[in-house]
Protein backbone atom coordinates (compact mmCIF):
# COMPACT_ATOMS: atom_id res chain seq x y z
CA UNK A 1 0.00 0.00 0.00
CA UNK A 2 1.44 3.39 -0.99
CA UNK A 3 0.49 6.19 1.37
CA UNK A 4 0.82 9.62 -0.29
CA UNK A 5 3.55 11.89 1.03
CA UNK A 6 2.36 15.08 2.70
CA UNK A 7 4.15 18.34 3.24
CA UNK A 8 4.53 18.87 6.95
CA UNK A 9 4.94 22.62 6.88
CA UNK A 10 1.39 22.59 8.22
CA UNK A 11 -0.71 19.51 8.91
CA UNK A 12 -3.27 18.02 11.23
CA UNK A 13 -2.17 15.45 13.81
CA UNK A 14 -3.95 12.80 11.71
CA UNK A 15 -1.97 13.79 8.59
CA UNK A 16 1.21 13.69 10.66
CA UNK A 17 0.52 10.12 11.80
CA UNK A 18 -0.27 9.14 8.18
CA UNK A 19 3.14 10.53 7.17
CA UNK A 20 4.82 8.46 9.91
CA UNK A 21 3.07 5.38 8.52
CA UNK A 22 4.26 6.23 5.00
CA UNK A 23 7.82 6.56 6.30
CA UNK A 24 7.62 3.18 8.02
CA UNK A 25 6.40 1.55 4.80
CA UNK A 26 9.27 3.22 2.93
CA UNK A 27 11.82 1.99 5.48
CA UNK A 28 10.45 -1.54 5.29
CA UNK A 29 10.72 -1.50 1.49
CA UNK A 30 14.31 -0.24 1.78
CA UNK A 31 15.54 -3.19 3.84
CA UNK A 32 13.33 -6.08 2.75
CA UNK A 33 15.46 -8.92 1.41
CA UNK A 34 18.81 -7.31 2.23
CA UNK A 35 21.46 -9.10 4.28
CA UNK A 36 23.34 -7.37 7.10
CA UNK A 37 26.37 -7.10 4.81
CA UNK A 38 24.38 -5.33 2.10
CA UNK A 39 22.58 -3.09 4.62
CA UNK A 40 25.98 -1.97 5.93
CA UNK A 41 27.54 -1.27 2.52
CA UNK A 42 28.76 2.34 2.40
CA UNK A 43 29.14 4.36 -0.79
CA UNK A 44 32.07 6.66 -1.57
CA UNK A 45 34.59 4.18 -0.23
CA UNK A 46 33.00 4.20 3.22
CA UNK A 47 32.74 7.99 3.51
CA UNK A 48 28.94 8.06 3.24
CA UNK A 49 26.39 6.28 5.39
CA UNK A 50 24.89 2.89 4.60
CA UNK A 51 21.15 2.15 4.50
CA UNK A 52 21.46 0.69 8.02
CA UNK A 53 23.33 3.75 9.32
CA UNK A 54 20.63 6.08 7.97
CA UNK A 55 17.91 4.14 9.81
CA UNK A 56 20.00 3.76 12.97
CA UNK A 57 20.70 7.50 13.04
CA UNK A 58 16.96 8.20 12.88
CA UNK A 59 16.18 5.68 15.63
CA UNK A 60 18.89 7.13 17.91
CA UNK A 61 17.87 10.72 17.34
CA UNK A 62 14.15 10.16 17.59
CA UNK A 63 14.51 8.27 20.89
CA UNK A 64 16.35 11.29 22.35
CA UNK A 65 13.68 13.66 21.08
CA UNK A 66 10.84 11.45 22.34
CA UNK A 67 12.19 11.75 25.90
CA UNK A 68 12.32 15.55 25.59
CA UNK A 69 8.80 15.75 24.11
CA UNK A 70 7.33 13.56 26.86
CA UNK A 71 9.09 15.58 29.55
CA UNK A 72 7.75 18.84 28.08
CA UNK A 73 4.10 17.77 28.00
CA UNK A 74 4.22 15.96 31.34
CA UNK A 75 5.67 18.98 33.14
CA UNK A 76 3.07 21.29 31.54
CA UNK A 77 0.09 18.93 31.45
CA UNK A 78 -2.13 21.20 33.60
CA UNK A 79 -1.46 24.25 31.39
CA UNK A 80 -2.21 22.71 27.98
CA UNK A 81 -5.14 24.17 26.05
CA UNK A 82 -7.09 22.42 23.28
CA UNK A 83 -5.53 22.70 19.80
CA UNK A 84 -6.82 25.70 17.85
CA UNK A 85 -4.63 25.45 14.75
CA UNK A 86 -2.84 22.78 12.72
CA UNK A 87 0.65 21.60 13.55
CA UNK A 88 2.99 24.22 12.12
CA UNK A 89 6.37 25.81 12.76
CA UNK A 90 6.21 28.72 15.19
CA UNK A 91 7.63 31.36 12.81
CA UNK A 92 9.66 32.07 9.68
CA UNK A 93 12.94 30.87 11.22
CA UNK A 94 11.50 27.54 12.28
CA UNK A 95 9.84 27.13 8.84
CA UNK A 96 13.34 27.59 7.45
CA UNK A 97 14.71 24.94 9.85
CA UNK A 98 12.06 22.47 8.72
CA UNK A 99 12.73 23.24 5.05
CA UNK A 100 16.48 22.65 5.52
CA UNK A 101 15.71 19.14 6.76
CA UNK A 102 13.65 18.25 3.69
CA UNK A 103 15.34 16.20 0.96
CA UNK A 104 17.37 16.71 -1.03
CA UNK A 105 19.74 18.30 1.50
CA UNK A 106 20.41 21.99 0.95
CA UNK A 107 23.37 21.96 3.32
CA UNK A 108 25.34 19.02 4.68
CA UNK A 109 26.16 19.09 8.37
CA UNK A 110 27.96 16.37 10.30
CA UNK A 111 25.79 14.56 12.83
CA UNK A 112 26.70 15.27 16.45
CA UNK A 113 28.61 12.32 17.96
CA UNK A 114 25.66 11.65 20.27
CA UNK A 115 23.49 10.68 17.28
CA UNK A 116 26.10 9.36 14.84
CA UNK A 117 25.54 5.68 13.98
CA UNK A 118 28.22 3.02 14.49
CA UNK A 119 29.95 1.54 11.45
CA UNK A 120 28.27 -1.90 11.63
CA UNK A 121 24.59 -2.37 12.42
CA UNK A 122 22.46 -5.51 12.65
CA UNK A 123 19.31 -6.18 10.65
CA UNK A 124 17.34 -5.35 13.84
CA UNK A 125 17.65 -1.68 12.84
CA UNK A 126 14.31 -1.76 10.99
CA UNK A 127 12.53 -2.95 14.13
CA UNK A 128 14.22 -0.23 16.18
CA UNK A 129 13.21 2.44 13.68
CA UNK A 130 9.63 1.09 13.50
CA UNK A 131 9.36 1.03 17.31
CA UNK A 132 10.33 4.68 17.58
CA UNK A 133 7.92 5.59 14.76
CA UNK A 134 5.15 3.83 16.71
CA UNK A 135 6.09 5.71 19.90
CA UNK A 136 5.96 8.97 17.97
CA UNK A 137 2.54 8.11 16.53
CA UNK A 138 1.31 7.19 20.02
CA UNK A 139 2.57 10.53 21.34
CA UNK A 140 0.70 12.43 18.60
CA UNK A 141 -2.47 10.36 19.21
CA UNK A 142 -2.28 11.16 22.92
CA UNK A 143 -1.25 14.81 22.75
CA UNK A 144 -2.22 15.97 19.24
CA UNK A 145 -5.47 17.49 20.49
CA UNK A 146 -3.52 19.83 22.77
CA UNK A 147 -2.10 23.14 21.61
CA UNK A 148 1.55 22.12 21.31
CA UNK A 149 2.29 25.15 19.16
CA UNK A 150 2.65 27.25 22.32
CA UNK A 151 4.58 24.75 24.42
CA UNK A 152 8.33 25.35 24.20
CA UNK A 153 11.14 23.04 25.16
CA UNK A 154 14.91 23.16 25.08
CA UNK A 155 16.12 21.16 22.12
CA UNK A 156 18.05 18.14 23.48
CA UNK A 157 20.87 18.44 20.92
CA UNK A 158 21.15 22.08 19.88
CA UNK A 159 21.05 25.38 21.82
CA UNK A 160 17.50 26.22 20.74
CA UNK A 161 14.11 26.58 22.39
CA UNK A 162 11.42 25.38 19.99
CA UNK A 163 7.75 24.48 20.25
CA UNK A 164 6.72 20.86 20.48
CA UNK A 165 4.91 21.19 17.12
CA UNK A 166 8.09 22.55 15.52
CA UNK A 167 10.18 19.69 16.94
CA UNK A 168 7.67 17.16 15.62
CA UNK A 169 7.76 18.70 12.15
CA UNK A 170 11.57 18.78 12.16
CA UNK A 171 11.64 15.10 13.16
CA UNK A 172 9.36 14.13 10.27
CA UNK A 173 11.35 16.16 7.75
CA UNK A 174 14.61 14.72 9.13
CA UNK A 175 13.17 11.23 8.65
CA UNK A 176 12.34 12.05 5.02
CA UNK A 177 15.86 13.40 4.49
CA UNK A 178 17.61 10.22 5.65
CA UNK A 179 15.11 7.86 4.02
CA UNK A 180 15.85 9.75 0.77
CA UNK A 181 19.57 9.31 1.50
CA UNK A 182 19.09 5.56 2.05
CA UNK A 183 17.12 5.28 -1.21
CA UNK A 184 20.07 6.88 -2.99
CA UNK A 185 22.52 4.42 -1.41
CA UNK A 186 20.53 1.62 -3.06
CA UNK A 187 20.62 3.47 -6.41
CA UNK A 188 24.42 3.80 -6.24
CA UNK A 189 26.19 1.96 -9.09
CA UNK A 190 28.38 0.13 -6.59
CA UNK A 191 25.52 -1.13 -4.42
CA UNK A 192 25.95 -4.90 -3.97
CA UNK A 193 23.50 -7.09 -5.85
CA UNK A 194 21.24 -9.03 -3.53
């Protein structure tokens, strides 16, 4: 089943969860039938990430962000108002941040060591990515009806204070970026035949 891709510059919580489902289907298609050796093959003589490293990076990062998102809503539970507007970045600068995460990459930045994947990863990486995607969907199901566009948190990796909605949109765009990267690894002329 192909779920249509949505632009997450502005979306409802339901559209956001649909996009998470589409990403999970894409990730599953990326790894189906590939051995651990093939999943770990790196283009550019090992200078670029493998399919497995792309998925592992997303699982690592999204787990860190999930903790921060849960902490933000739990510590402000009594102050949350019902949602009045769709999920959207909180201003022009955060719209720019989201757009920079969208594929293809406009700028290439090295991943902080805290979220950089190891060189060899097991085939369990798909399950780890899928589990975090499910946790993210559960979070949006539970809290999507609340106005998370006003709730700010300190970003767990960068010196920024962003809204929960903005963080969620960045996470989704970041997923699309690295799933796109993984797709391109498989299109590389040197990619091992299965």
